[in-house]
Amino acid sequence: MKSRSTLAALVFLFAASASVHAADDYNRPPAGDAQYKQCLTYSTTVYEGGNAPSPIKGQTKAQAWCTCMWNETPDDFKGNLVKFAETRKGKETNKLCEKHADWSE
């Protein structure tokens, strides 16, 4: 029985580390991407702490959060990423991206 719980713990740790690693590998939005720029501008006007460093090397919390939101929304999404994060449908993506950027309320 002890070996099963050890195996389960190892599987869980591997899965958790794989998802954290994947989050660090987000594609950077293309230079000049209007949706990403809008996200940065709007998020820093409605939320506090966006200019603080994030766990992602070289990114502020707002940059890491907007990069995550940009990557996690469907490719055909053309709306405002911040407003989407505040919707019922976007709340789960918002939680994921807040954790990615270490930026929570």
Protein backbone atom coordinates (compact mmCIF):
# COMPACT_ATOMS: atom_id res chain seq x y z
CA MET A 1 0.00 0.00 0.00
CA LYS A 2 2.84 2.36 0.79
CA SER A 3 4.33 1.95 -2.69
CA ARG A 4 1.00 2.96 -4.29
CA SER A 5 0.81 6.17 -2.30
CA THR A 6 4.45 6.92 -3.13
CA LEU A 7 3.79 6.29 -6.81
CA ALA A 8 0.69 8.48 -6.70
CA ALA A 9 2.67 11.27 -5.05
CA LEU A 10 5.40 11.03 -7.70
CA VAL A 11 2.85 11.13 -10.53
CA PHE A 12 1.22 14.18 -8.96
CA LEU A 13 4.56 15.98 -8.53
CA PHE A 14 5.56 15.20 -12.12
CA ALA A 15 2.23 16.50 -13.45
CA ALA A 16 2.45 19.65 -11.33
CA SER A 17 6.01 20.40 -12.42
CA ALA A 18 5.15 19.77 -16.07
CA SER A 19 2.30 22.29 -15.98
CA VAL A 20 4.46 24.90 -14.26
CA HIS A 21 7.20 24.35 -16.82
CA ALA A 22 4.73 24.68 -19.69
CA ALA A 23 3.55 28.05 -18.37
CA ASP A 24 7.10 29.41 -18.59
CA ASP A 25 7.15 28.49 -22.27
CA TYR A 26 4.34 30.79 -23.43
CA ASN A 27 4.84 32.32 -26.84
CA ARG A 28 5.55 36.02 -26.66
CA PRO A 29 2.95 38.05 -28.53
CA PRO A 30 4.28 39.50 -31.77
CA ALA A 31 5.85 42.96 -31.50
CA GLY A 32 3.17 45.59 -31.89
CA ASP A 33 0.26 43.20 -31.23
CA ALA A 34 -2.67 45.55 -30.60
CA GLN A 35 -4.55 43.15 -28.31
CA TYR A 36 -1.50 42.61 -26.08
CA LYS A 37 -0.74 46.36 -25.94
CA GLN A 38 -4.37 47.06 -25.03
CA CYS A 39 -4.13 44.45 -22.27
CA LEU A 40 -1.01 46.06 -20.79
CA THR A 41 -2.45 49.56 -20.88
CA TYR A 42 -5.87 48.64 -19.56
CA SER A 43 -4.66 46.22 -16.88
CA THR A 44 -2.29 48.78 -15.37
CA THR A 45 -5.09 51.35 -15.14
CA VAL A 46 -7.60 49.06 -13.39
CA TYR A 47 -5.33 46.87 -11.25
CA GLU A 48 -2.50 47.66 -8.84
CA GLY A 49 0.94 46.04 -8.74
CA GLY A 50 1.33 45.33 -12.44
CA ASN A 51 4.75 46.94 -12.64
CA ALA A 52 6.18 44.65 -9.95
CA PRO A 53 8.52 41.88 -11.15
CA SER A 54 6.88 38.54 -11.94
CA PRO A 55 8.45 35.09 -11.52
CA ILE A 56 8.99 35.12 -15.31
CA LYS A 57 12.45 36.49 -15.99
CA GLY A 58 12.33 39.91 -17.63
CA GLN A 59 8.57 40.41 -17.26
CA THR A 60 6.46 42.52 -14.95
CA LYS A 61 3.36 40.97 -13.46
CA ALA A 62 1.20 42.76 -16.04
CA GLN A 63 3.39 41.53 -18.91
CA ALA A 64 3.34 37.94 -17.64
CA TRP A 65 -0.41 38.08 -17.03
CA CYS A 66 -1.19 39.57 -20.45
CA THR A 67 1.14 37.09 -22.16
CA CYS A 68 -0.69 34.24 -20.43
CA MET A 69 -4.12 35.67 -21.30
CA TRP A 70 -3.02 36.20 -24.91
CA ASN A 71 -1.86 32.56 -25.14
CA GLU A 72 -4.78 31.01 -23.24
CA THR A 73 -7.63 32.61 -25.19
CA PRO A 74 -8.71 31.02 -28.48
CA ASP A 75 -6.80 32.12 -31.58
CA ASP A 76 -9.89 33.77 -33.00
CA PHE A 77 -10.54 35.85 -29.85
CA LYS A 78 -10.42 39.52 -30.81
CA GLY A 79 -11.82 41.21 -27.70
CA ASN A 80 -10.34 42.94 -24.69
CA LEU A 81 -8.36 40.38 -22.65
CA VAL A 82 -8.89 42.22 -19.35
CA LYS A 83 -12.64 42.47 -19.82
CA PHE A 84 -12.72 38.79 -20.85
CA ALA A 85 -10.89 37.86 -17.63
CA GLU A 86 -13.67 39.50 -15.64
CA THR A 87 -16.43 37.48 -17.30
CA ARG A 88 -17.84 34.22 -15.99
CA LYS A 89 -16.29 32.38 -18.94
CA GLY A 90 -12.89 34.02 -18.43
CA LYS A 91 -12.57 33.57 -14.65
CA GLU A 92 -10.76 30.24 -14.91
CA THR A 93 -8.27 31.61 -17.42
CA ASN A 94 -7.82 34.63 -15.16
CA LYS A 95 -6.99 32.40 -12.17
CA LEU A 96 -4.43 30.48 -14.23
CA CYS A 97 -2.80 33.68 -15.46
CA GLU A 98 -2.80 35.33 -12.02
CA LYS A 99 -0.94 32.31 -10.71
CA HIS A 100 1.46 32.39 -13.68
CA ALA A 101 2.26 36.06 -13.03
CA ASP A 102 2.10 35.73 -9.23
CA TRP A 103 -0.44 38.55 -9.38
CA SER A 104 -3.55 38.19 -7.29
CA GLU A 105 -5.85 40.60 -5.54
